[in-house]
Protein backbone atom coordinates (compact mmCIF):
# COMPACT_ATOMS: atom_id res chain seq x y z
CA LEU A 1 0.03 -0.05 0.07
CA TYR A 2 1.25 3.47 -0.80
CA GLY A 3 0.45 5.54 2.38
CA ASP A 4 2.55 8.01 4.18
CA ALA A 5 5.24 5.61 5.30
CA THR A 6 5.83 3.91 2.03
CA ARG A 7 5.73 7.40 0.20
CA THR A 8 8.55 8.75 2.48
CA LEU A 9 10.43 5.53 1.80
CA VAL A 10 10.03 5.53 -2.01
CA LEU A 11 10.93 9.37 -2.09
CA ARG A 12 13.98 8.92 -0.15
CA PHE A 13 15.11 6.09 -2.26
CA LYS A 14 14.35 7.70 -5.45
CA HIS A 15 15.33 11.38 -4.86
CA GLY A 16 17.29 11.31 -1.62
CA ARG A 17 20.15 9.19 -2.71
CA LYS A 18 19.22 6.55 -0.15
CA VAL A 19 20.40 3.63 -2.50
CA GLY A 20 21.07 1.44 0.63
CA LEU A 21 17.12 0.97 0.80
CA ALA A 22 17.12 -0.95 -2.36
CA GLY A 23 17.65 -4.18 -0.58
CA LEU A 24 14.71 -3.53 1.84
CA MET A 25 12.31 -2.33 -0.85
CA ALA A 26 13.08 -5.47 -2.98
CA ARG A 27 12.41 -7.73 -0.19
CA LEU A 28 9.12 -6.01 0.50
CA MET A 29 8.34 -6.36 -3.27
CA VAL A 30 9.37 -10.08 -3.49
CA ALA A 31 7.25 -10.87 -0.54
CA ARG A 32 4.11 -9.70 -2.67
CA LEU A 33 5.15 -11.72 -5.78
CA PRO A 34 3.06 -14.69 -6.57
CA PRO A 35 5.22 -18.01 -7.05
CA LEU A 36 7.35 -17.44 -10.22
CA ASP A 37 6.99 -20.69 -12.06
CA GLY A 38 9.80 -21.39 -14.80
CA GLU A 39 12.28 -18.96 -15.90
CA TRP A 40 11.60 -15.16 -15.72
CA LEU A 41 13.47 -12.32 -17.09
CA ILE A 42 13.75 -9.29 -14.85
CA VAL A 43 14.06 -5.94 -16.94
CA PRO A 44 14.07 -2.57 -15.19
CA VAL A 45 12.70 0.53 -16.87
CA PRO A 46 15.57 2.69 -18.01
CA LEU A 47 15.88 6.46 -17.26
CA HIS A 48 16.52 8.95 -19.88
CA ARG A 49 20.04 9.77 -19.99
CA TRP A 50 19.46 13.39 -18.63
CA ARG A 51 17.54 11.98 -15.82
CA LEU A 52 20.19 9.42 -15.11
CA TRP A 53 22.74 12.18 -15.07
CA GLN A 54 20.78 14.34 -12.77
CA ARG A 55 20.06 11.55 -10.39
CA GLY A 56 23.27 9.66 -10.57
CA TYR A 57 21.55 6.21 -10.59
CA ASN A 58 18.59 4.22 -11.85
CA GLN A 59 16.53 3.16 -8.94
CA SER A 60 14.61 0.65 -11.04
CA ALA A 61 17.87 -1.04 -11.94
CA LEU A 62 19.01 -1.17 -8.33
CA LEU A 63 15.65 -2.74 -7.28
CA ALA A 64 15.81 -5.28 -10.28
CA THR A 65 19.32 -6.21 -9.18
CA GLN A 66 18.15 -7.15 -5.58
CA ILE A 67 14.88 -8.86 -6.97
CA ALA A 68 16.76 -11.01 -9.25
CA ARG A 69 19.25 -11.85 -6.53
CA ALA A 70 16.52 -12.75 -4.12
CA THR A 71 14.44 -14.73 -6.71
CA GLY A 72 17.25 -16.49 -8.52
CA GLN A 73 15.84 -15.13 -11.83
CA ARG A 74 17.75 -13.67 -14.73
CA LEU A 75 18.38 -9.94 -15.00
CA LEU A 76 18.90 -8.07 -18.14
CA VAL A 77 19.58 -4.39 -17.27
CA ASP A 78 20.14 -2.98 -20.95
CA ALA A 79 17.04 -4.74 -22.71
CA LEU A 80 15.17 -1.46 -23.04
CA VAL A 81 16.20 2.00 -24.30
CA ARG A 82 14.34 5.21 -23.12
CA ARG A 83 14.36 7.54 -26.08
CA LYS A 84 11.79 10.04 -25.01
CA ARG A 85 12.34 12.39 -22.15
CA THR A 86 9.36 12.74 -20.24
CA PRO A 87 8.53 15.49 -17.48
CA SER A 88 8.53 14.59 -13.84
CA LEU A 89 5.33 12.80 -12.91
CA GLY A 90 5.27 13.84 -9.40
CA GLY A 91 2.14 15.45 -8.28
CA LEU A 92 0.26 14.50 -11.59
CA GLY A 93 -3.12 12.61 -11.73
CA ALA A 94 -3.52 9.48 -13.68
CA LYS A 95 -4.86 11.40 -16.71
CA ALA A 96 -1.92 13.86 -16.85
CA ARG A 97 0.62 10.91 -16.39
CA ALA A 98 -0.94 8.91 -19.14
CA GLN A 99 -0.75 12.01 -21.35
CA ALA A 100 2.91 12.82 -20.39
CA LEU A 101 3.73 9.05 -21.31
CA ALA A 102 1.93 8.82 -24.61
CA GLY A 103 3.89 7.79 -27.59
């Protein structure tokens, strides 16, 4: 559930450079996964190169690495390429987020 405590945790991880939270957050996510039958490929969503430069790390790649380690599933960090630079989605509603991500 995305409440006050989890919102704080996510924002500190994402924008506060608290990369040490990746392990904890990945364990929380893995605990909610259904059983993974067969082989799975874990692919994080890439950041646009400017956002990566600003932030200094890709939080989804950190989470994916920890999730792959915890589940024993394969990880492919460079499977996707983000070509479109999208605005920050923070504070946007569902409709505005969909419009920003269209295309």
